[in-house]
Amino acid sequence: MFSYLGARVRQEMGQGLAEYALILALIAVVSILALIFLGTKVSGILSTIGGTM
């Protein structure tokens, strides 16, 4: 009985850790894509601001 409960708790903790890892990976991919697509626009805006100063 106790071994079943212990195994169940370890399984749920491992599952939670895997879910957090997947969320973190998704956030990283979205961030990289945003930098790729918006990086040139932001660079141009900052160059314009720097040129006017």
N, C-alpha and C. Protein backbone atom coordinates (compact mmCIF):
# COMPACT_ATOMS: atom_id res chain seq x y z
N MET A 1 0.82 -1.19 0.00
CA MET A 1 0.00 0.00 0.00
C MET A 1 0.87 1.26 0.00
N PHE A 2 1.87 1.29 0.92
CA PHE A 2 2.71 2.47 1.00
C PHE A 2 3.60 2.61 -0.23
N SER A 3 4.05 1.50 -0.76
CA SER A 3 4.89 1.58 -1.95
C SER A 3 4.08 2.11 -3.14
N TYR A 4 2.81 1.78 -3.21
CA TYR A 4 1.95 2.29 -4.28
C TYR A 4 1.79 3.80 -4.16
N LEU A 5 1.54 4.28 -2.94
CA LEU A 5 1.38 5.72 -2.74
C LEU A 5 2.67 6.47 -3.02
N GLY A 6 3.80 5.92 -2.61
CA GLY A 6 5.09 6.55 -2.88
C GLY A 6 5.37 6.63 -4.37
N ALA A 7 5.08 5.56 -5.08
CA ALA A 7 5.30 5.55 -6.53
C ALA A 7 4.37 6.54 -7.21
N ARG A 8 3.16 6.66 -6.72
CA ARG A 8 2.19 7.59 -7.31
C ARG A 8 2.64 9.04 -7.13
N VAL A 9 3.15 9.37 -5.94
CA VAL A 9 3.63 10.73 -5.69
C VAL A 9 4.83 11.04 -6.57
N ARG A 10 5.78 10.11 -6.69
CA ARG A 10 6.95 10.33 -7.54
C ARG A 10 6.54 10.51 -8.99
N GLN A 11 5.56 9.75 -9.44
CA GLN A 11 5.10 9.85 -10.82
C GLN A 11 4.48 11.22 -11.08
N GLU A 12 3.68 11.72 -10.15
CA GLU A 12 3.06 13.03 -10.32
C GLU A 12 4.09 14.14 -10.29
N MET A 13 5.11 14.02 -9.45
CA MET A 13 6.15 15.04 -9.40
C MET A 13 6.93 15.06 -10.71
N GLY A 14 7.23 13.88 -11.24
CA GLY A 14 7.93 13.81 -12.51
C GLY A 14 7.10 14.35 -13.66
N GLN A 15 5.81 14.10 -13.60
CA GLN A 15 4.92 14.61 -14.64
C GLN A 15 4.85 16.13 -14.58
N GLY A 16 4.79 16.70 -13.38
CA GLY A 16 4.77 18.16 -13.24
C GLY A 16 6.05 18.78 -13.76
N LEU A 17 7.17 18.14 -13.48
CA LEU A 17 8.46 18.65 -13.95
C LEU A 17 8.52 18.61 -15.47
N ALA A 18 8.00 17.56 -16.07
CA ALA A 18 7.99 17.46 -17.53
C ALA A 18 7.10 18.54 -18.14
N GLU A 19 5.98 18.83 -17.51
CA GLU A 19 5.09 19.88 -18.01
C GLU A 19 5.76 21.24 -17.94
N TYR A 20 6.46 21.51 -16.84
CA TYR A 20 7.18 22.78 -16.72
C TYR A 20 8.27 22.89 -17.78
N ALA A 21 8.95 21.80 -18.06
CA ALA A 21 9.99 21.80 -19.08
C ALA A 21 9.41 22.08 -20.46
N LEU A 22 8.25 21.50 -20.76
CA LEU A 22 7.61 21.76 -22.05
C LEU A 22 7.17 23.21 -22.18
N ILE A 23 6.63 23.77 -21.11
CA ILE A 23 6.22 25.18 -21.14
C ILE A 23 7.43 26.07 -21.33
N LEU A 24 8.51 25.78 -20.64
CA LEU A 24 9.73 26.57 -20.78
C LEU A 24 10.28 26.49 -22.20
N ALA A 25 10.25 25.31 -22.80
CA ALA A 25 10.71 25.15 -24.18
C ALA A 25 9.83 25.93 -25.15
N LEU A 26 8.53 25.91 -24.92
CA LEU A 26 7.61 26.67 -25.79
C LEU A 26 7.87 28.16 -25.68
N ILE A 27 8.08 28.66 -24.48
CA ILE A 27 8.38 30.08 -24.29
C ILE A 27 9.69 30.45 -24.99
N ALA A 28 10.68 29.58 -24.91
CA ALA A 28 11.96 29.85 -25.57
C ALA A 28 11.80 29.92 -27.08
N VAL A 29 11.04 29.00 -27.65
CA VAL A 29 10.84 28.98 -29.10
C VAL A 29 10.09 30.24 -29.55
N VAL A 30 9.04 30.62 -28.81
CA VAL A 30 8.27 31.81 -29.16
C VAL A 30 9.16 33.06 -29.06
N SER A 31 9.99 33.13 -28.02
CA SER A 31 10.88 34.28 -27.86
C SER A 31 11.88 34.38 -29.01
N ILE A 32 12.45 33.26 -29.40
CA ILE A 32 13.42 33.26 -30.50
C ILE A 32 12.74 33.68 -31.80
N LEU A 33 11.55 33.16 -32.06
CA LEU A 33 10.84 33.55 -33.28
C LEU A 33 10.48 35.03 -33.27
N ALA A 34 10.08 35.55 -32.12
CA ALA A 34 9.76 36.97 -32.03
C ALA A 34 11.00 37.82 -32.30
N LEU A 35 12.15 37.40 -31.78
CA LEU A 35 13.38 38.16 -32.04
C LEU A 35 13.78 38.09 -33.51
N ILE A 36 13.55 36.95 -34.13
CA ILE A 36 13.91 36.82 -35.55
C ILE A 36 13.04 37.73 -36.40
N PHE A 37 11.72 37.71 -36.16
CA PHE A 37 10.82 38.47 -37.01
C PHE A 37 10.77 39.96 -36.66
N LEU A 38 10.95 40.31 -35.40
CA LEU A 38 10.84 41.71 -35.01
C LEU A 38 12.20 42.36 -34.80
N GLY A 39 13.26 41.60 -34.84
CA GLY A 39 14.59 42.13 -34.57
C GLY A 39 15.01 43.23 -35.53
N THR A 40 14.74 43.07 -36.81
CA THR A 40 15.14 44.08 -37.78
C THR A 40 14.34 45.36 -37.62
N LYS A 41 13.06 45.24 -37.28
CA LYS A 41 12.23 46.43 -37.08
C LYS A 41 12.69 47.21 -35.86
N VAL A 42 12.96 46.49 -34.78
CA VAL A 42 13.42 47.16 -33.56
C VAL A 42 14.78 47.80 -33.79
N SER A 43 15.64 47.14 -34.51
CA SER A 43 16.96 47.69 -34.81
C SER A 43 16.83 48.97 -35.63
N GLY A 44 15.93 48.98 -36.61
CA GLY A 44 15.71 50.17 -37.42
C GLY A 44 15.16 51.33 -36.60
N ILE A 45 14.24 51.05 -35.72
CA ILE A 45 13.67 52.09 -34.87
C ILE A 45 14.72 52.68 -33.95
N LEU A 46 15.53 51.82 -33.34
CA LEU A 46 16.58 52.31 -32.45
C LEU A 46 17.64 53.09 -33.23
N SER A 47 17.94 52.70 -34.44
CA SER A 47 18.90 53.44 -35.26
C SER A 47 18.35 54.82 -35.59
N THR A 48 17.07 54.90 -35.90
CA THR A 48 16.43 56.20 -36.21
C THR A 48 16.47 57.10 -34.98
N ILE A 49 16.14 56.55 -33.83
CA ILE A 49 16.17 57.35 -32.60
C ILE A 49 17.59 57.81 -32.29
N GLY A 50 18.55 56.93 -32.45
CA GLY A 50 19.94 57.29 -32.20
C GLY A 50 20.45 58.35 -33.18
N GLY A 51 19.98 58.28 -34.42
CA GLY A 51 20.40 59.26 -35.42
C GLY A 51 19.84 60.65 -35.17
N THR A 52 18.66 60.72 -34.59
CA THR A 52 18.06 62.04 -34.33
C THR A 52 18.62 62.70 -33.08
N MET A 53 19.27 61.92 -32.24
CA MET A 53 19.84 62.51 -31.02
C MET A 53 21.13 63.11 -31.36
